[in-house]
Protein backbone atom coordinates (compact mmCIF):
# COMPACT_ATOMS: atom_id res chain seq x y z
CA MET A 1 -22.46 33.03 117.39
CA LYS A 2 -23.29 35.14 120.09
CA ARG A 3 -23.64 32.14 122.28
CA TYR A 4 -20.14 31.22 121.12
CA LYS A 5 -18.73 34.33 121.89
CA LYS A 6 -20.51 34.42 125.39
CA MET A 7 -19.04 30.69 125.67
CA GLU A 8 -15.46 32.23 124.48
CA LYS A 9 -15.60 35.01 127.32
CA LYS A 10 -16.03 32.86 129.96
CA ARG A 11 -13.15 30.67 128.83
CA ILE A 12 -10.74 33.38 128.75
CA ALA A 13 -12.21 34.91 132.71
CA ALA A 14 -11.99 31.37 133.86
CA ALA A 15 -8.30 30.82 132.39
CA LEU A 16 -7.30 34.80 133.76
CA PHE A 17 -9.09 33.45 137.15
CA LEU A 18 -6.85 30.53 137.35
CA LEU A 19 -3.45 31.88 136.13
CA ILE A 20 -3.98 35.15 139.13
CA LEU A 21 -4.87 32.24 141.61
CA GLY A 22 -1.71 30.28 140.59
CA ALA A 23 0.39 33.24 140.77
CA ALA A 24 -1.12 34.51 144.02
CA LEU A 25 -0.19 30.58 145.59
CA TYR A 26 3.22 31.29 143.70
CA ILE A 27 3.94 34.06 145.51
CA GLY A 28 2.74 32.78 148.42
CA LEU A 29 4.88 29.78 148.82
CA ARG A 30 8.31 31.79 147.40
CA GLN A 31 7.44 34.06 150.60
CA GLU A 32 7.30 31.04 152.43
CA LYS A 33 10.67 29.49 151.35
CA ASP A 34 11.92 33.06 151.51
CA VAL A 35 11.89 33.75 155.32
CA LYS A 36 15.44 34.16 156.10
CA VAL A 37 16.34 33.11 159.71
CA ILE A 38 19.91 33.63 161.59
CA PHE A 39 20.06 31.60 165.20
CA VAL A 40 23.25 33.24 167.32
CA SER A 41 23.68 30.32 169.52
CA LYS A 42 26.30 30.29 172.56
CA THR A 43 28.29 27.86 171.52
CA GLN A 44 30.39 26.02 168.92
CA ASP A 45 31.39 23.40 171.84
CA ASN A 46 30.58 19.94 170.18
CA ILE A 47 28.52 18.98 173.33
CA ASP A 48 25.28 16.78 173.32
CA PHE A 49 23.16 19.29 174.47
CA TRP A 50 23.47 22.01 172.15
CA ASN A 51 24.10 19.31 169.48
CA SER A 52 20.47 18.17 169.70
CA LEU A 53 19.45 22.21 170.04
CA VAL A 54 20.74 23.03 167.05
CA GLU A 55 19.45 19.85 164.83
CA GLY A 56 16.26 20.61 166.36
CA ALA A 57 16.62 24.29 164.91
CA GLN A 58 18.02 23.49 161.90
CA MET A 59 14.86 20.42 161.19
CA ALA A 60 11.99 23.25 161.91
CA ALA A 61 13.90 25.77 159.39
CA ASP A 62 14.05 22.92 156.66
CA GLU A 63 10.30 22.08 157.35
CA TYR A 64 9.55 26.11 156.75
CA GLY A 65 11.42 26.11 153.58
CA ALA A 66 13.62 29.31 155.33
CA GLU A 67 17.04 30.51 154.18
CA TYR A 68 18.56 29.10 157.49
CA GLU A 69 22.14 29.96 158.77
CA TRP A 70 23.56 29.04 162.06
CA MET A 71 26.17 31.45 164.11
CA ALA A 72 28.27 30.71 167.59
CA PRO A 73 30.72 31.66 169.62
CA VAL A 74 33.89 28.88 170.33
CA GLN A 75 33.59 29.57 173.76
CA GLU A 76 30.22 30.11 175.82
CA LYS A 77 31.40 32.69 178.16
CA ASP A 78 32.85 34.89 174.93
CA VAL A 79 30.21 37.70 175.08
CA ASP A 80 31.98 40.07 173.22
CA ARG A 81 32.64 37.44 170.10
CA GLN A 82 28.52 37.15 170.47
CA LYS A 83 28.19 40.80 170.41
CA GLU A 84 30.35 40.92 166.95
CA LEU A 85 27.71 38.25 165.46
CA ILE A 86 24.64 39.45 166.68
CA ARG A 87 25.99 43.01 164.56
CA GLU A 88 27.08 40.42 161.46
CA ALA A 89 23.40 38.91 161.67
CA ILE A 90 21.73 42.38 161.86
CA GLU A 91 23.95 43.56 158.70
CA LYS A 92 22.66 40.10 156.76
CA ALA A 93 19.21 41.68 157.21
CA PRO A 94 17.38 38.33 157.90
CA ASP A 95 13.26 38.04 158.87
CA VAL A 96 14.27 36.48 162.16
CA ILE A 97 16.96 36.39 164.21
CA ALA A 98 16.83 33.56 166.93
CA LEU A 99 19.26 34.18 169.89
CA ALA A 100 20.46 32.01 172.86
CA PRO A 101 21.42 35.35 174.89
CA VAL A 102 25.17 34.21 176.77
CA ASP A 103 24.15 37.34 179.34
CA GLU A 104 21.57 38.54 180.00
CA LYS A 105 22.87 42.10 180.62
CA GLU A 106 25.65 42.37 178.32
CA ILE A 107 23.44 41.18 175.53
CA LEU A 108 20.99 43.32 175.46
CA PRO A 109 22.02 46.66 173.29
CA GLU A 110 22.71 43.98 170.41
CA ALA A 111 19.03 42.95 171.22
CA LYS A 112 17.55 45.96 171.24
CA LYS A 113 19.33 46.72 167.57
CA ILE A 114 17.93 43.21 166.28
CA LYS A 115 14.34 44.75 167.56
CA GLU A 116 15.08 48.37 166.36
CA GLU A 117 16.14 46.99 162.25
CA GLY A 118 12.62 45.75 162.75
CA ILE A 119 14.01 42.41 162.51
CA THR A 120 11.43 39.68 164.57
CA LEU A 121 13.38 38.64 167.81
CA VAL A 122 13.22 35.08 169.06
CA LEU A 123 14.96 34.16 172.06
CA ILE A 124 15.85 29.90 172.67
CA ASP A 125 17.22 29.00 176.01
CA SER A 126 18.23 31.69 177.79
CA ARG A 127 16.40 35.48 178.63
CA LEU A 128 17.86 38.55 178.69
CA SER A 129 17.24 41.24 181.44
CA GLU A 130 14.52 43.15 179.58
CA ASP A 131 11.37 41.85 178.14
CA ILE A 132 11.71 42.45 174.57
CA ALA A 133 11.84 39.50 172.34
CA ASP A 134 8.66 38.75 170.30
CA CYS A 135 8.78 35.18 172.01
CA ALA A 136 11.03 32.86 173.85
CA VAL A 137 11.58 29.08 174.05
CA SER A 138 13.40 27.63 176.99
CA THR A 139 13.15 25.48 180.13
CA ASP A 140 11.39 26.60 183.19
CA ASN A 141 14.97 27.11 184.86
CA TYR A 142 13.62 28.09 187.95
CA ALA A 143 10.98 25.36 188.34
CA ALA A 144 13.98 23.18 186.76
CA GLY A 145 16.76 24.06 189.85
CA GLN A 146 13.50 23.70 192.63
CA GLU A 147 13.03 20.34 191.81
CA LEU A 148 16.89 19.37 191.26
CA GLY A 149 16.94 21.31 194.83
CA GLU A 150 14.00 19.07 196.57
CA TYR A 151 15.91 16.18 195.19
CA ALA A 152 19.18 17.00 196.98
CA LEU A 153 17.61 17.46 199.89
CA SER A 154 15.58 13.82 199.50
CA ILE A 155 18.99 11.89 199.04
CA CYS A 156 21.12 13.75 201.99
CA SER A 157 20.66 14.15 206.08
CA PRO A 158 19.69 17.54 207.78
CA GLU A 159 23.49 17.37 208.53
CA GLU A 160 24.93 17.44 205.34
CA LYS A 161 26.37 20.39 203.40
CA ILE A 162 25.33 21.24 199.89
CA GLY A 163 27.65 23.50 197.09
CA ILE A 164 26.89 24.18 193.58
CA VAL A 165 29.35 24.43 190.77
CA SER A 166 27.42 26.61 188.53
CA HIS A 167 28.30 27.67 184.79
CA VAL A 168 28.50 31.49 183.56
CA LYS A 169 27.98 33.68 185.94
CA GLY A 170 24.96 36.38 184.78
CA SER A 171 23.93 33.88 182.39
CA SER A 172 20.00 33.93 183.02
CA THR A 173 20.02 30.40 183.37
CA ALA A 174 22.85 29.68 185.84
CA LYS A 175 21.02 32.63 187.92
CA GLU A 176 16.97 31.22 187.22
CA ARG A 177 18.83 27.44 188.63
CA GLU A 178 20.51 28.99 191.73
CA LYS A 179 17.53 30.52 192.99
CA GLY A 180 15.49 27.57 192.89
CA VAL A 181 17.37 25.43 194.37
CA GLN A 182 18.66 28.24 196.99
CA MET A 183 14.76 28.60 197.44
CA VAL A 184 14.37 25.24 197.96
CA LEU A 185 16.87 24.73 200.58
CA GLU A 186 16.34 28.00 202.76
CA GLU A 187 12.36 26.77 202.87
CA ASP A 188 14.03 23.47 204.31
CA GLY A 189 16.42 25.63 206.56
CA ARG A 190 19.74 25.06 204.54
CA GLU A 191 21.98 27.37 203.37
CA ILE A 192 24.53 26.53 200.30
CA VAL A 193 27.97 26.80 201.71
CA GLN A 194 29.29 27.91 198.36
CA THR A 195 28.93 28.67 194.62
CA VAL A 196 31.80 28.66 192.64
CA TYR A 197 31.31 28.74 188.58
CA GLY A 198 33.05 26.77 186.00
CA GLU A 199 32.66 29.27 182.94
CA SER A 200 31.04 26.20 180.80
CA ASN A 201 34.35 24.24 181.11
CA TYR A 202 35.20 20.92 182.16
CA SER A 203 38.16 21.40 183.57
CA ILE A 204 37.52 24.85 185.37
CA ALA A 205 34.39 22.96 186.61
CA TYR A 206 36.72 20.28 187.81
CA ASP A 207 38.90 22.54 189.62
CA GLU A 208 37.16 25.13 190.79
CA THR A 209 34.93 22.03 192.76
CA LYS A 210 38.35 20.73 193.90
CA LYS A 211 38.61 24.15 195.41
CA MET A 212 35.43 24.06 196.76
CA LEU A 213 36.01 20.82 198.74
CA GLU A 214 39.02 21.27 199.91
CA ALA A 215 37.90 24.68 201.49
CA HIS A 216 34.71 23.21 202.69
CA PRO A 217 35.54 19.43 203.55
CA GLU A 218 31.71 19.27 205.06
CA ILE A 219 30.55 19.47 201.43
CA THR A 220 28.59 16.05 200.88
CA VAL A 221 26.57 17.31 197.83
CA ILE A 222 26.47 19.42 194.95
CA VAL A 223 24.69 20.45 192.71
CA GLY A 224 25.96 21.37 188.91
CA THR A 225 23.98 23.38 186.57
CA ASN A 226 24.40 22.62 183.61
CA GLU A 227 26.55 19.67 181.38
CA TYR A 228 29.83 21.22 181.84
CA ALA A 229 29.50 21.95 185.88
CA THR A 230 27.68 18.08 186.55
CA VAL A 231 30.57 16.40 184.39
CA GLY A 232 33.56 18.94 185.65
CA ALA A 233 32.57 18.01 189.10
CA ALA A 234 31.68 14.66 188.83
CA ARG A 235 34.92 13.69 187.59
CA LEU A 236 36.67 14.94 190.13
CA ILE A 237 34.51 12.78 192.64
CA LYS A 238 35.48 9.84 190.49
CA ASP A 239 39.32 10.59 190.30
CA MET A 240 39.15 11.45 193.89
CA GLY A 241 37.56 8.18 194.64
CA LEU A 242 34.52 10.02 196.56
CA LYS A 243 31.65 7.79 194.99
CA GLY A 244 28.83 7.61 197.50
CA LYS A 245 30.64 9.97 200.34
CA VAL A 246 30.15 12.96 197.68
CA LYS A 247 26.86 12.69 195.78
CA ILE A 248 26.51 14.65 192.44
CA VAL A 249 23.01 16.18 191.13
CA GLY A 250 23.14 17.91 188.05
CA PHE A 251 21.31 19.07 184.68
CA ASP A 252 21.33 17.03 180.72
CA ASN A 253 22.04 13.94 179.68
CA SER A 254 25.10 13.34 177.91
CA LYS A 255 27.10 9.83 177.29
CA GLU A 256 29.14 10.51 180.06
CA GLU A 257 26.89 11.69 182.16
CA ILE A 258 24.28 8.92 181.43
CA GLN A 259 27.40 6.64 182.20
CA MET A 260 28.31 8.61 185.77
CA LEU A 261 24.48 7.94 186.53
CA GLU A 262 24.25 4.07 185.76
CA SER A 263 27.61 3.96 187.71
CA GLY A 264 26.67 5.76 190.72
CA VAL A 265 28.92 8.94 190.84
CA ILE A 266 25.83 11.17 189.56
CA GLU A 267 22.25 10.43 191.44
CA GLY A 268 20.04 12.24 189.51
CA LEU A 269 20.05 14.59 186.45
CA VAL A 270 17.36 17.08 185.24
CA ILE A 271 16.66 16.66 181.21
CA GLN A 272 16.32 19.46 179.09
CA ARG A 273 13.80 18.92 176.08
CA ALA A 274 16.46 20.70 174.26
CA PHE A 275 15.74 19.21 170.33
CA ASP A 276 12.03 20.56 171.08
CA MET A 277 13.66 23.75 172.10
CA GLY A 278 15.44 24.79 169.15
CA TYR A 279 12.88 23.56 167.02
CA LEU A 280 9.81 25.35 168.79
CA GLY A 281 11.94 28.60 168.95
CA ILE A 282 12.55 28.44 165.27
CA LYS A 283 8.79 27.41 164.45
CA LEU A 284 7.82 30.41 166.35
CA GLY A 285 9.97 33.18 165.22
CA ILE A 286 9.01 32.10 161.61
CA GLU A 287 5.42 31.74 162.41
CA THR A 288 5.37 35.31 164.38
CA GLU A 289 7.10 36.79 161.50
CA LYS A 290 4.17 35.45 159.29
CA GLY A 291 2.03 37.66 161.74
CA GLU A 292 0.64 34.76 163.48
CA LYS A 293 0.15 35.40 167.05
CA GLN A 294 2.19 33.24 169.62
CA GLU A 295 2.91 32.68 173.09
CA ALA A 296 5.00 35.04 174.30
CA ASN A 297 6.77 32.10 176.53
CA VAL A 298 6.70 28.66 175.81
CA ASP A 299 8.80 25.75 178.25
CA SER A 300 9.86 23.34 176.70
CA GLY A 301 9.63 21.19 179.26
CA CYS A 302 12.25 19.16 181.49
CA LYS A 303 12.34 16.25 183.75
CA LEU A 304 14.30 14.69 186.84
CA VAL A 305 15.84 11.51 186.13
CA THR A 306 17.47 9.40 188.63
CA ARG A 307 19.27 5.99 189.28
CA GLU A 308 16.22 4.32 189.89
CA THR A 309 13.90 5.48 187.36
CA ILE A 310 16.67 5.46 184.23
CA TYR A 311 15.38 1.95 182.75
CA THR A 312 11.58 3.22 182.54
CA LYS A 313 10.63 3.21 178.59
CA GLU A 314 9.73 6.86 179.19
CA ASN A 315 13.29 7.93 180.55
CA GLN A 316 14.99 5.83 178.13
CA LYS A 317 13.40 7.75 175.03
CA LEU A 318 14.33 11.30 176.84
CA LEU A 319 17.59 10.23 177.32
CA PHE A 320 18.37 8.56 174.03
CA PRO A 321 16.22 10.57 172.06
CA VAL A 322 15.63 10.13 167.97
CA HIS A 323 14.64 12.41 165.75
CA THR A 324 13.29 11.89 162.10
CA GLY A 325 11.72 14.38 159.91
CA ASP A 326 8.30 12.79 160.85
CA ASP A 327 8.44 13.54 164.88
């Protein structure tokens, strides 16, 4: 009888242990699934770069079972609207806010409010003027600008003049890419004739490029700093029949850019890994919130693709990425 009671006690103890273990595992899983993430990006505009980046962010959120919401102003230059969205995001009390700031200085006060509320802050694509984020994922934009500047020099003679069509003045990505290009040109004894801003708008980039060429017809190489700038400038060159006379180099890999690269309107493109950037940004934000130690700054990578290298197997995968849940 005593032996039976002893065994019964052991069974009860084992059952209680399993019950407690199961409850702990359940709570742990609930905590993982209940991580709330809001991503405030730069624009709702339907361009390939942002579509791919947002797709990557969504995939990471799905894989981690996070409660996820994406918010963005309609236009990239709308600083005030992004400020409003950040305040709205803070009011929703998420665990993580991922942010792609449209302006490194103007958005800083709102970003500081995120930190004041004890919310994990991860920057995606762009930086702030102060290092306040828990972690950041982006292209090394300065190095990417250098690479594009070096390629621009390789396709023009010492006498040829270079202009820049940038995107949004005050954006960290624009500033860093411009600096990278400028550094390479200065080392070669060149100067940038003029820099204009397309406000991340195809039509404005087109018009600003036209004004720049009218004021400086000696420019024969144009550097575009994002998809809008590159496409706007390239459309003008195509419309004016200046293909081959004015060479375009730029950023990103929209379908239109790839077509113009193949046809010779564009000479080369720095391709960012937008999907990886979005995926890593959300992944690192969630893991940081869980207390896992992460790198403060992660380079999501980029690569220069030219007309000569467009058809390599590796570059075809980069230009036409296919993403699945198994990636």
